[in-house]
Amino acid sequence: MELRIKCSQRLNLNLRLVILSVSLFLSLGCQPIIQTKPKFHGDYPAEELRSMWAFCVTNFRLKAPYTPPLDVAKMCDCYLDEMRISHSHEKINKLSDNQTRAMGMRLIRVCNIKPEPKSV
């Protein structure tokens, strides 16, 4: 008799869990889909992005050889991210020399890590 009660209670609990799971699935599955604008222009070929990143790292290491490699990588990541946010691939290739210089200065302002003053 006691075994029947335990089995009945377990079955009742399992049934409640199934009903709860199904009701949660149905209610949460019916939420509206919110469309968001992508952060980056998605028209840059991956090979070109890799090439630009490698070019950035190489040049940075030549111009500032004592900058830690992780900082250089973070700055080059930022350069490419900011560039992809503000300009599509088509537009970046059509910038004038002055526009390219202005964008470069903005990227430096936004992305370059400020060296921390050394304590004596």
C-alpha atoms as a PDB file:
ATOM      1  CA  MET A   1       0.000   0.000   0.000  1.00  0.00           C
ATOM      2  CA  GLU A   2       2.779   2.383   0.961  1.00  0.00           C
ATOM      3  CA  LEU A   3       4.584   1.637  -2.326  1.00  0.00           C
ATOM      4  CA  ARG A   4       1.446   2.534  -4.310  1.00  0.00           C
ATOM      5  CA  ILE A   5       1.198   5.885  -2.518  1.00  0.00           C
ATOM      6  CA  LYS A   6       4.858   6.699  -3.267  1.00  0.00           C
ATOM      7  CA  CYS A   7       4.438   5.699  -6.919  1.00  0.00           C
ATOM      8  CA  SER A   8       1.268   7.747  -7.149  1.00  0.00           C
ATOM      9  CA  GLN A   9       2.968  10.780  -5.590  1.00  0.00           C
ATOM     10  CA  ARG A  10       5.963  10.414  -7.920  1.00  0.00           C
ATOM     11  CA  LEU A  11       3.678  10.103 -10.950  1.00  0.00           C
ATOM     12  CA  ASN A  12       1.697  13.140  -9.784  1.00  0.00           C
ATOM     13  CA  LEU A  13       4.951  15.144  -9.398  1.00  0.00           C
ATOM     14  CA  ASN A  14       6.190  14.049 -12.833  1.00  0.00           C
ATOM     15  CA  LEU A  15       2.874  15.032 -14.396  1.00  0.00           C
ATOM     16  CA  ARG A  16       3.045  18.462 -12.751  1.00  0.00           C
ATOM     17  CA  LEU A  17       6.597  18.949 -14.031  1.00  0.00           C
ATOM     18  CA  VAL A  18       5.557  18.023 -17.564  1.00  0.00           C
ATOM     19  CA  ILE A  19       2.586  20.388 -17.465  1.00  0.00           C
ATOM     20  CA  LEU A  20       4.757  23.194 -16.051  1.00  0.00           C
ATOM     21  CA  SER A  21       7.455  22.597 -18.686  1.00  0.00           C
ATOM     22  CA  VAL A  22       4.957  22.599 -21.547  1.00  0.00           C
ATOM     23  CA  SER A  23       3.239  25.762 -20.302  1.00  0.00           C
ATOM     24  CA  LEU A  24       6.589  27.558 -19.887  1.00  0.00           C
ATOM     25  CA  PHE A  25       7.720  26.418 -23.322  1.00  0.00           C
ATOM     26  CA  LEU A  26       4.517  27.671 -24.925  1.00  0.00           C
ATOM     27  CA  SER A  27       4.439  30.988 -23.099  1.00  0.00           C
ATOM     28  CA  LEU A  28       8.145  31.802 -23.545  1.00  0.00           C
ATOM     29  CA  GLY A  29       8.220  30.583 -27.130  1.00  0.00           C
ATOM     30  CA  CYS A  30       5.607  33.142 -28.162  1.00  0.00           C
ATOM     31  CA  GLN A  31       7.665  36.240 -27.369  1.00  0.00           C
ATOM     32  CA  PRO A  32       7.977  38.769 -30.217  1.00  0.00           C
ATOM     33  CA  ILE A  33      11.221  38.766 -32.190  1.00  0.00           C
ATOM     34  CA  ILE A  34      13.010  42.094 -31.936  1.00  0.00           C
ATOM     35  CA  GLN A  35      15.067  42.986 -34.982  1.00  0.00           C
ATOM     36  CA  THR A  36      18.263  44.867 -34.189  1.00  0.00           C
ATOM     37  CA  LYS A  37      20.623  46.607 -36.537  1.00  0.00           C
ATOM     38  CA  PRO A  38      23.966  44.797 -36.823  1.00  0.00           C
ATOM     39  CA  LYS A  39      26.883  46.538 -35.133  1.00  0.00           C
ATOM     40  CA  PHE A  40      29.254  46.157 -38.091  1.00  0.00           C
ATOM     41  CA  HIS A  41      28.941  46.545 -41.823  1.00  0.00           C
ATOM     42  CA  GLY A  42      29.102  42.910 -42.886  1.00  0.00           C
ATOM     43  CA  ASP A  43      30.567  43.455 -46.323  1.00  0.00           C
ATOM     44  CA  TYR A  44      34.269  43.144 -45.474  1.00  0.00           C
ATOM     45  CA  PRO A  45      35.868  39.946 -46.791  1.00  0.00           C
ATOM     46  CA  ALA A  46      37.424  37.948 -43.940  1.00  0.00           C
ATOM     47  CA  GLU A  47      40.743  37.638 -45.773  1.00  0.00           C
ATOM     48  CA  GLU A  48      40.947  41.422 -46.146  1.00  0.00           C
ATOM     49  CA  LEU A  49      40.128  41.968 -42.454  1.00  0.00           C
ATOM     50  CA  ARG A  50      42.887  39.556 -41.455  1.00  0.00           C
ATOM     51  CA  SER A  51      45.298  41.297 -43.807  1.00  0.00           C
ATOM     52  CA  MET A  52      44.434  44.753 -42.421  1.00  0.00           C
ATOM     53  CA  TRP A  53      44.820  43.495 -38.846  1.00  0.00           C
ATOM     54  CA  ALA A  54      48.215  41.944 -39.615  1.00  0.00           C
ATOM     55  CA  PHE A  55      49.326  45.157 -41.350  1.00  0.00           C
ATOM     56  CA  CYS A  56      48.234  47.165 -38.292  1.00  0.00           C
ATOM     57  CA  VAL A  57      50.124  44.916 -35.870  1.00  0.00           C
ATOM     58  CA  THR A  58      53.273  44.868 -38.001  1.00  0.00           C
ATOM     59  CA  ASN A  59      53.367  48.642 -38.417  1.00  0.00           C
ATOM     60  CA  PHE A  60      52.556  49.270 -34.777  1.00  0.00           C
ATOM     61  CA  ARG A  61      55.365  46.954 -33.670  1.00  0.00           C
ATOM     62  CA  LEU A  62      57.795  48.831 -35.955  1.00  0.00           C
ATOM     63  CA  LYS A  63      56.731  52.290 -34.754  1.00  0.00           C
ATOM     64  CA  ALA A  64      56.345  51.429 -31.061  1.00  0.00           C
ATOM     65  CA  PRO A  65      58.427  48.303 -30.417  1.00  0.00           C
ATOM     66  CA  TYR A  66      58.145  48.484 -26.626  1.00  0.00           C
ATOM     67  CA  THR A  67      54.343  48.386 -26.573  1.00  0.00           C
ATOM     68  CA  PRO A  68      53.197  45.068 -25.073  1.00  0.00           C
ATOM     69  CA  PRO A  69      51.863  42.678 -27.753  1.00  0.00           C
ATOM     70  CA  LEU A  70      48.474  42.330 -26.034  1.00  0.00           C
ATOM     71  CA  ASP A  71      48.001  46.116 -26.081  1.00  0.00           C
ATOM     72  CA  VAL A  72      48.933  46.223 -29.776  1.00  0.00           C
ATOM     73  CA  ALA A  73      46.410  43.469 -30.541  1.00  0.00           C
ATOM     74  CA  LYS A  74      43.669  45.280 -28.575  1.00  0.00           C
ATOM     75  CA  MET A  75      44.335  48.552 -30.399  1.00  0.00           C
ATOM     76  CA  CYS A  76      44.318  46.893 -33.824  1.00  0.00           C
ATOM     77  CA  ASP A  77      41.076  45.089 -32.916  1.00  0.00           C
ATOM     78  CA  CYS A  78      39.602  48.453 -31.972  1.00  0.00           C
ATOM     79  CA  TYR A  79      40.808  50.090 -35.209  1.00  0.00           C
ATOM     80  CA  LEU A  80      39.144  47.455 -37.347  1.00  0.00           C
ATOM     81  CA  ASP A  81      35.960  47.401 -35.255  1.00  0.00           C
ATOM     82  CA  GLU A  82      35.595  51.199 -35.336  1.00  0.00           C
ATOM     83  CA  MET A  83      36.309  51.272 -39.056  1.00  0.00           C
ATOM     84  CA  ARG A  84      33.689  48.576 -39.743  1.00  0.00           C
ATOM     85  CA  ILE A  85      31.126  50.413 -37.598  1.00  0.00           C
ATOM     86  CA  SER A  86      31.588  53.763 -39.328  1.00  0.00           C
ATOM     87  CA  HIS A  87      32.289  52.761 -42.948  1.00  0.00           C
ATOM     88  CA  SER A  88      31.148  50.032 -45.283  1.00  0.00           C
ATOM     89  CA  HIS A  89      33.775  48.220 -47.337  1.00  0.00           C
ATOM     90  CA  GLU A  90      32.627  50.063 -50.443  1.00  0.00           C
ATOM     91  CA  LYS A  91      32.905  53.489 -48.774  1.00  0.00           C
ATOM     92  CA  ILE A  92      36.258  52.829 -47.090  1.00  0.00           C
ATOM     93  CA  ASN A  93      37.853  52.207 -50.476  1.00  0.00           C
ATOM     94  CA  LYS A  94      36.499  55.502 -51.820  1.00  0.00           C
ATOM     95  CA  LEU A  95      37.765  57.820 -49.059  1.00  0.00           C
ATOM     96  CA  SER A  96      39.933  60.739 -50.119  1.00  0.00           C
ATOM     97  CA  ASP A  97      43.402  61.219 -48.601  1.00  0.00           C
ATOM     98  CA  ASN A  98      42.045  63.903 -46.246  1.00  0.00           C
ATOM     99  CA  GLN A  99      39.141  61.677 -45.156  1.00  0.00           C
ATOM    100  CA  THR A 100      41.529  58.777 -44.588  1.00  0.00           C
ATOM    101  CA  ARG A 101      43.810  60.992 -42.451  1.00  0.00           C
ATOM    102  CA  ALA A 102      40.835  62.276 -40.441  1.00  0.00           C
ATOM    103  CA  MET A 103      39.582  58.735 -39.864  1.00  0.00           C
ATOM    104  CA  GLY A 104      43.097  57.677 -38.791  1.00  0.00           C
ATOM    105  CA  MET A 105      43.256  60.496 -36.238  1.00  0.00           C
ATOM    106  CA  ARG A 106      39.821  59.552 -34.874  1.00  0.00           C
ATOM    107  CA  LEU A 107      40.882  55.903 -34.565  1.00  0.00           C
ATOM    108  CA  ILE A 108      44.020  56.926 -32.689  1.00  0.00           C
ATOM    109  CA  ARG A 109      41.954  59.091 -30.307  1.00  0.00           C
ATOM    110  CA  VAL A 110      39.411  56.336 -29.688  1.00  0.00           C
ATOM    111  CA  CYS A 111      41.589  53.224 -29.694  1.00  0.00           C
ATOM    112  CA  ASN A 112      45.107  53.991 -28.542  1.00  0.00           C
ATOM    113  CA  ILE A 113      45.793  52.827 -25.029  1.00  0.00           C
ATOM    114  CA  LYS A 114      47.162  55.644 -22.907  1.00  0.00           C
ATOM    115  CA  PRO A 115      50.408  54.631 -21.183  1.00  0.00           C
ATOM    116  CA  GLU A 116      50.125  54.653 -17.426  1.00  0.00           C
ATOM    117  CA  PRO A 117      52.588  56.959 -15.669  1.00  0.00           C
ATOM    118  CA  LYS A 118      55.441  55.045 -14.085  1.00  0.00           C
ATOM    119  CA  SER A 119      55.615  55.298 -10.330  1.00  0.00           C
ATOM    120  CA  VAL A 120      59.032  56.003  -8.871  1.00  0.00           C
END
